[in-house]
Amino acid sequence: MPRLIPSRTSSRASSRSASGIPARAEPAPGARPRDRAGLGVPAFAHPLVAPAEWAELARPGAPLHWAAFDVRRGPGSRRDPLYAEALERVRENRVPVLGLLDCSYGARPFGDLVADASHHLDWYGVDGFYLDRAPTLRAQLAECRRVVSTLRAVLGQERTRRAAGNPGEGGGAGPDGGLVVLAPGAYPHPGYAETADQLVVFDGPWTRYRRSEAPEWSAGYPPSRFAHLVHGLPVAHLDTALRIARWQGAGTVCLTDRSDRAGGDPWAGLPGYWHEAVRKVR
């Protein structure tokens, strides 16, 4: 069973049911969408291959915190009109779309990351970035902060440009009008929690997730700071997986019955129980 981390913040406070399991804390009245439990979707299938999945992401009503996309480990070599069209439909529901940037666990040169970010903005008008294979070590923290600060600056410039052309457009998800998600897939050094808007601290199979633990330091942050991506999850264990996410303080989840067996990408499509997962999270 996962370890229950004692709450040290009011946002993690919850009452206990008769069974002793903490109940989900209700969001405060007027809370922003990202303060509530929701879904983060790494939509890594091309719209030509998965048109139904992209249509579902564009359907109003799903509690989506963000949808990340990947053309070719980044923005690709040129603008793809099919991606641009699919992303615009998702954005019409005020869902932030995040362009994937491959950090190679800190080995990717700064200039390459910034160039990819600029292409994402120029070709797709992204609302933020999903830094896949982000670093985790304390020694890499300063460089990661440099990258994120630069990304926030270019996002802020783009937001200002958009607002000048559309005065009715409001602020975005992050401090400068964009959302930056670090996705190392594991808990990094605690300093990374102050670097990005959200950390993907679990990305792996259900067999490992059901025995996972959260470090003590994570209890000092609100659930909106953490996301869990779990694949190979049978529909019968959906409720259990959602309880684990609540116990460990993750406000954003992505749960799928797809797996990485035989080299497959579990994020190359939505789960077979997508509608059931949406209903349970909502």
Protein backbone atom coordinates (compact mmCIF):
# COMPACT_ATOMS: atom_id res chain seq x y z
CA MET A 1 0.00 0.00 0.00
CA PRO A 2 1.21 3.56 -0.62
CA ARG A 3 2.44 5.55 2.32
CA LEU A 4 0.10 8.29 3.52
CA ILE A 5 1.98 11.55 4.01
CA PRO A 6 0.69 13.66 6.93
CA SER A 7 -0.75 16.96 5.75
CA ARG A 8 1.16 20.15 6.52
CA THR A 9 -0.95 22.50 4.39
CA SER A 10 -4.58 23.50 4.53
CA SER A 11 -4.99 22.50 0.88
CA ARG A 12 -4.11 18.92 1.80
CA ALA A 13 -6.44 18.84 4.82
CA SER A 14 -9.26 16.32 4.70
CA SER A 15 -11.77 14.61 6.94
CA ARG A 16 -11.77 10.87 7.52
CA SER A 17 -14.54 8.50 6.68
CA ALA A 18 -15.63 5.70 8.98
CA SER A 19 -13.19 3.43 7.18
CA GLY A 20 -10.28 5.74 8.04
CA ILE A 21 -9.55 6.66 4.41
CA PRO A 22 -9.14 10.41 3.92
CA ALA A 23 -12.04 11.92 2.00
CA ARG A 24 -11.37 14.20 -0.95
CA ALA A 25 -11.07 17.79 0.20
CA GLU A 26 -13.64 19.97 -1.52
CA PRO A 27 -12.20 22.95 -3.43
CA ALA A 28 -12.89 26.38 -2.05
CA PRO A 29 -15.78 28.33 -3.58
CA GLY A 30 -14.53 30.23 -6.61
CA ALA A 31 -11.45 28.03 -6.98
CA ARG A 32 -9.71 28.12 -10.34
CA PRO A 33 -10.01 24.99 -12.53
CA ARG A 34 -6.43 23.93 -11.80
CA ASP A 35 -7.12 24.04 -8.05
CA ARG A 36 -9.56 21.16 -8.56
CA ALA A 37 -8.68 17.56 -9.35
CA GLY A 38 -8.37 17.08 -13.08
CA LEU A 39 -6.73 15.35 -16.01
CA GLY A 40 -3.46 16.09 -17.75
CA VAL A 41 -3.21 14.36 -21.12
CA PRO A 42 0.04 13.69 -22.96
CA ALA A 43 -1.63 13.37 -26.39
CA PHE A 44 1.28 11.91 -28.33
CA ALA A 45 -0.65 10.49 -31.30
CA HIS A 46 -0.85 12.37 -34.59
CA PRO A 47 -4.36 13.73 -35.36
CA LEU A 48 -4.34 11.77 -38.63
CA VAL A 49 -3.79 8.51 -36.72
CA ALA A 50 -6.06 9.30 -33.76
CA PRO A 51 -8.81 11.69 -34.94
CA ALA A 52 -11.36 10.32 -32.45
CA GLU A 53 -9.00 10.91 -29.51
CA TRP A 54 -8.36 14.51 -30.53
CA ALA A 55 -12.09 15.04 -31.00
CA GLU A 56 -12.65 13.86 -27.41
CA LEU A 57 -10.07 16.32 -26.09
CA ALA A 58 -11.93 19.10 -27.91
CA ARG A 59 -15.30 18.04 -26.49
CA PRO A 60 -16.54 20.45 -23.77
CA GLY A 61 -16.98 19.22 -20.23
CA ALA A 62 -13.90 17.11 -19.47
CA PRO A 63 -11.91 18.37 -16.44
CA LEU A 64 -8.69 18.92 -18.41
CA HIS A 65 -5.84 20.82 -16.78
CA TRP A 66 -3.69 20.60 -19.90
CA ALA A 67 -3.03 18.63 -23.07
CA ALA A 68 0.57 18.14 -24.20
CA PHE A 69 1.50 17.21 -27.77
CA ASP A 70 4.60 15.92 -29.49
CA VAL A 71 5.25 16.23 -33.22
CA ARG A 72 8.70 14.61 -33.28
CA ARG A 73 10.34 14.86 -29.86
CA GLY A 74 9.53 18.53 -30.15
CA PRO A 75 7.90 20.78 -32.76
CA GLY A 76 9.31 18.90 -35.76
CA SER A 77 10.99 20.54 -38.75
CA ARG A 78 7.98 22.49 -40.06
CA ARG A 79 4.42 23.45 -39.15
CA ASP A 80 1.95 20.57 -39.40
CA PRO A 81 -1.48 21.97 -40.37
CA LEU A 82 -3.31 18.92 -38.96
CA TYR A 83 -1.78 19.48 -35.54
CA ALA A 84 -2.52 23.22 -35.76
CA GLU A 85 -6.19 22.53 -36.49
CA ALA A 86 -6.56 19.92 -33.74
CA LEU A 87 -4.86 22.12 -31.15
CA GLU A 88 -7.05 25.08 -31.98
CA ARG A 89 -10.18 23.02 -31.37
CA VAL A 90 -8.84 21.95 -27.96
CA ARG A 91 -7.90 25.53 -27.11
CA GLU A 92 -11.45 26.70 -27.86
CA ASN A 93 -12.43 24.98 -24.59
CA ARG A 94 -9.82 27.06 -22.73
CA VAL A 95 -7.61 24.00 -22.23
CA PRO A 96 -3.90 24.95 -22.24
CA VAL A 97 -1.99 23.14 -25.00
CA LEU A 98 1.65 22.41 -24.16
CA GLY A 99 4.41 21.79 -26.66
CA LEU A 100 6.80 18.99 -25.72
CA LEU A 101 10.46 19.87 -25.24
CA ASP A 102 12.86 16.95 -24.78
CA CYS A 103 15.35 17.82 -22.01
CA SER A 104 17.24 14.49 -22.26
CA TYR A 105 17.55 14.52 -18.43
CA GLY A 106 19.52 17.75 -18.54
CA ALA A 107 21.83 16.86 -21.44
CA ARG A 108 19.99 18.92 -24.08
CA PRO A 109 21.77 22.21 -24.93
CA PHE A 110 20.06 25.39 -23.77
CA GLY A 111 20.03 26.87 -27.29
CA ASP A 112 18.29 23.82 -28.76
CA LEU A 113 15.52 23.97 -26.15
CA VAL A 114 14.93 27.67 -26.74
CA ALA A 115 14.88 27.16 -30.51
CA ASP A 116 12.30 24.39 -30.19
CA ALA A 117 10.22 26.57 -27.89
CA SER A 118 10.26 29.39 -30.44
CA HIS A 119 9.07 27.02 -33.17
CA HIS A 120 6.27 25.78 -30.94
CA LEU A 121 5.13 29.36 -30.43
CA ASP A 122 5.51 30.42 -34.06
CA TRP A 123 3.82 27.36 -35.58
CA TYR A 124 1.24 26.38 -32.97
CA GLY A 125 0.82 29.31 -30.58
CA VAL A 126 1.24 27.04 -27.56
CA ASP A 127 0.08 28.06 -24.10
CA GLY A 128 3.07 26.51 -22.37
CA PHE A 129 5.62 23.74 -22.42
CA TYR A 130 5.88 20.13 -21.28
CA LEU A 131 9.55 19.45 -20.47
CA ASP A 132 9.82 15.72 -21.00
CA ARG A 133 12.71 13.76 -19.46
CA ALA A 134 13.42 16.74 -17.20
CA PRO A 135 16.44 16.59 -14.87
CA THR A 136 16.12 15.64 -11.21
CA LEU A 137 19.52 16.25 -9.60
CA ARG A 138 20.45 19.19 -7.39
CA ALA A 139 23.51 19.87 -9.55
CA GLN A 140 21.24 20.42 -12.57
CA LEU A 141 18.80 22.71 -10.79
CA ALA A 142 20.41 26.04 -11.66
CA GLU A 143 20.49 25.28 -15.38
CA CYS A 144 16.90 24.05 -15.27
CA ARG A 145 15.86 27.30 -13.61
CA ARG A 146 17.63 29.19 -16.38
CA VAL A 147 15.71 27.25 -19.01
CA VAL A 148 12.34 27.72 -17.29
CA SER A 149 12.94 31.45 -16.70
CA THR A 150 13.71 31.89 -20.40
CA LEU A 151 10.62 29.92 -21.40
CA ARG A 152 8.48 32.08 -19.11
CA ALA A 153 9.93 35.19 -20.72
CA VAL A 154 9.13 34.07 -24.27
CA LEU A 155 5.66 32.95 -23.18
CA GLY A 156 5.08 36.34 -21.59
CA GLN A 157 6.17 38.12 -24.77
CA GLU A 158 3.84 35.96 -26.84
CA ARG A 159 0.97 36.59 -24.42
CA THR A 160 1.54 40.34 -24.66
CA ARG A 161 1.55 40.12 -28.45
CA ARG A 162 -1.70 38.15 -28.47
CA ALA A 163 -3.36 40.54 -26.03
CA ALA A 164 -2.40 43.50 -28.23
CA GLY A 165 -4.19 41.85 -31.13
CA ASN A 166 -7.14 40.71 -28.98
CA PRO A 167 -7.78 43.05 -26.04
CA GLY A 168 -10.39 40.67 -24.61
CA GLU A 169 -7.85 37.91 -24.02
CA GLY A 170 -7.02 37.47 -20.36
CA GLY A 171 -4.07 36.03 -18.48
CA GLY A 172 -2.89 32.48 -18.88
CA ALA A 173 -2.05 29.61 -16.59
CA GLY A 174 1.34 30.55 -15.23
CA PRO A 175 2.89 33.73 -13.80
CA ASP A 176 3.59 35.15 -17.29
CA GLY A 177 0.51 33.82 -19.02
CA GLY A 178 1.85 30.33 -19.72
CA LEU A 179 2.13 26.95 -18.07
CA VAL A 180 5.43 25.11 -17.58
CA VAL A 181 5.30 21.44 -16.60
CA LEU A 182 8.49 19.56 -15.71
CA ALA A 183 8.11 15.85 -16.43
CA PRO A 184 11.01 13.83 -14.99
CA GLY A 185 8.61 10.96 -14.17
CA ALA A 186 10.03 10.71 -10.64
CA TYR A 187 10.41 12.94 -7.61
CA PRO A 188 13.32 15.33 -8.19
CA HIS A 189 15.31 17.40 -5.71
CA PRO A 190 12.79 19.54 -3.76
CA GLY A 191 14.12 22.73 -5.35
CA TYR A 192 12.43 21.80 -8.62
CA ALA A 193 9.03 22.30 -6.97
CA GLU A 194 9.77 26.04 -6.89
CA THR A 195 10.89 26.07 -10.51
CA ALA A 196 7.85 25.05 -12.55
CA ASP A 197 4.07 25.28 -12.27
CA GLN A 198 3.74 21.51 -12.03
CA LEU A 199 5.92 18.40 -11.73
CA VAL A 200 5.07 15.01 -13.24
CA VAL A 201 6.51 12.95 -10.39
CA PHE A 202 5.24 9.56 -11.51
CA ASP A 203 5.17 8.17 -15.04
CA GLY A 204 5.02 4.39 -15.07
CA PRO A 205 2.98 1.20 -14.82
CA TRP A 206 0.21 0.42 -12.37
CA THR A 207 2.24 -2.49 -10.96
CA ARG A 208 4.75 0.05 -9.63
CA TYR A 209 2.29 2.83 -8.84
CA ARG A 210 0.28 0.78 -6.37
CA ARG A 211 3.42 0.39 -4.23
CA SER A 212 4.72 3.93 -4.71
CA GLU A 213 5.48 6.45 -1.99
CA ALA A 214 5.67 10.22 -1.83
CA PRO A 215 8.61 11.92 -0.06
CA GLU A 216 7.88 13.91 3.06
CA TRP A 217 8.83 17.24 1.47
CA SER A 218 5.99 16.99 -1.06
CA ALA A 219 3.41 17.51 1.71
CA GLY A 220 4.50 21.15 1.89
CA TYR A 221 3.02 21.90 -1.53
CA PRO A 222 -0.57 21.97 -2.82
CA PRO A 223 -1.87 19.11 -5.02
CA SER A 224 -1.86 21.45 -8.02
CA ARG A 225 1.94 21.20 -8.03
CA PHE A 226 2.03 17.45 -8.82
CA ALA A 227 0.82 15.14 -11.58
CA HIS A 228 0.81 11.33 -11.87
CA LEU A 229 0.72 9.42 -15.18
CA VAL A 230 -0.17 5.75 -14.77
CA HIS A 231 -0.37 3.23 -17.60
CA GLY A 232 -1.37 -0.43 -17.73
CA LEU A 233 -4.18 0.32 -15.27
CA PRO A 234 -7.19 -2.03 -15.46
CA VAL A 235 -10.57 -0.34 -15.26
CA ALA A 236 -11.35 -2.29 -12.07
CA HIS A 237 -8.60 -0.35 -10.26
CA LEU A 238 -9.58 3.17 -11.35
CA ASP A 239 -10.96 4.10 -7.94
CA THR A 240 -7.91 2.72 -6.15
CA ALA A 241 -5.55 4.68 -8.41
CA LEU A 242 -7.49 7.90 -7.78
CA ARG A 243 -7.29 7.27 -4.01
CA ILE A 244 -3.53 6.82 -4.25
CA ALA A 245 -3.26 10.11 -6.16
CA ARG A 246 -5.22 11.88 -3.41
CA TRP A 247 -3.17 10.24 -0.63
CA GLN A 248 0.05 11.35 -2.27
CA GLY A 249 -1.20 14.87 -3.02
CA ALA A 250 -1.40 14.83 -6.83
CA GLY A 251 -4.05 17.15 -8.24
CA THR A 252 -3.58 16.11 -11.88
CA VAL A 253 -3.70 12.54 -13.18
CA CYS A 254 -3.67 10.62 -16.43
CA LEU A 255 -4.79 6.99 -16.17
CA THR A 256 -4.83 4.54 -19.05
CA ASP A 257 -5.20 0.85 -19.78
CA ARG A 258 -2.67 1.20 -22.58
CA SER A 259 0.80 -0.17 -21.80
CA ASP A 260 4.40 0.07 -22.93
CA ARG A 261 4.67 -3.63 -23.65
CA ALA A 262 6.42 -4.55 -26.91
CA GLY A 263 7.79 -1.02 -27.15
CA GLY A 264 4.38 0.62 -27.36
CA ASP A 265 3.73 4.20 -26.31
CA PRO A 266 0.98 4.20 -23.66
CA TRP A 267 0.31 7.88 -24.38
CA ALA A 268 -0.33 7.40 -28.11
CA GLY A 269 -4.09 7.45 -27.51
CA LEU A 270 -6.78 7.77 -24.88
CA PRO A 271 -7.72 4.87 -22.59
CA GLY A 272 -10.53 2.53 -23.50
CA TYR A 273 -12.36 3.74 -20.36
CA TRP A 274 -11.86 7.47 -21.08
CA HIS A 275 -15.47 8.43 -20.36
CA GLU A 276 -15.45 6.48 -17.10
CA ALA A 277 -12.22 8.17 -16.01
CA VAL A 278 -13.63 11.61 -16.86
CA ARG A 279 -16.77 10.88 -14.85
CA LYS A 280 -14.84 9.68 -11.78
CA VAL A 281 -12.39 12.60 -11.79
CA ARG A 282 -15.13 15.15 -12.36
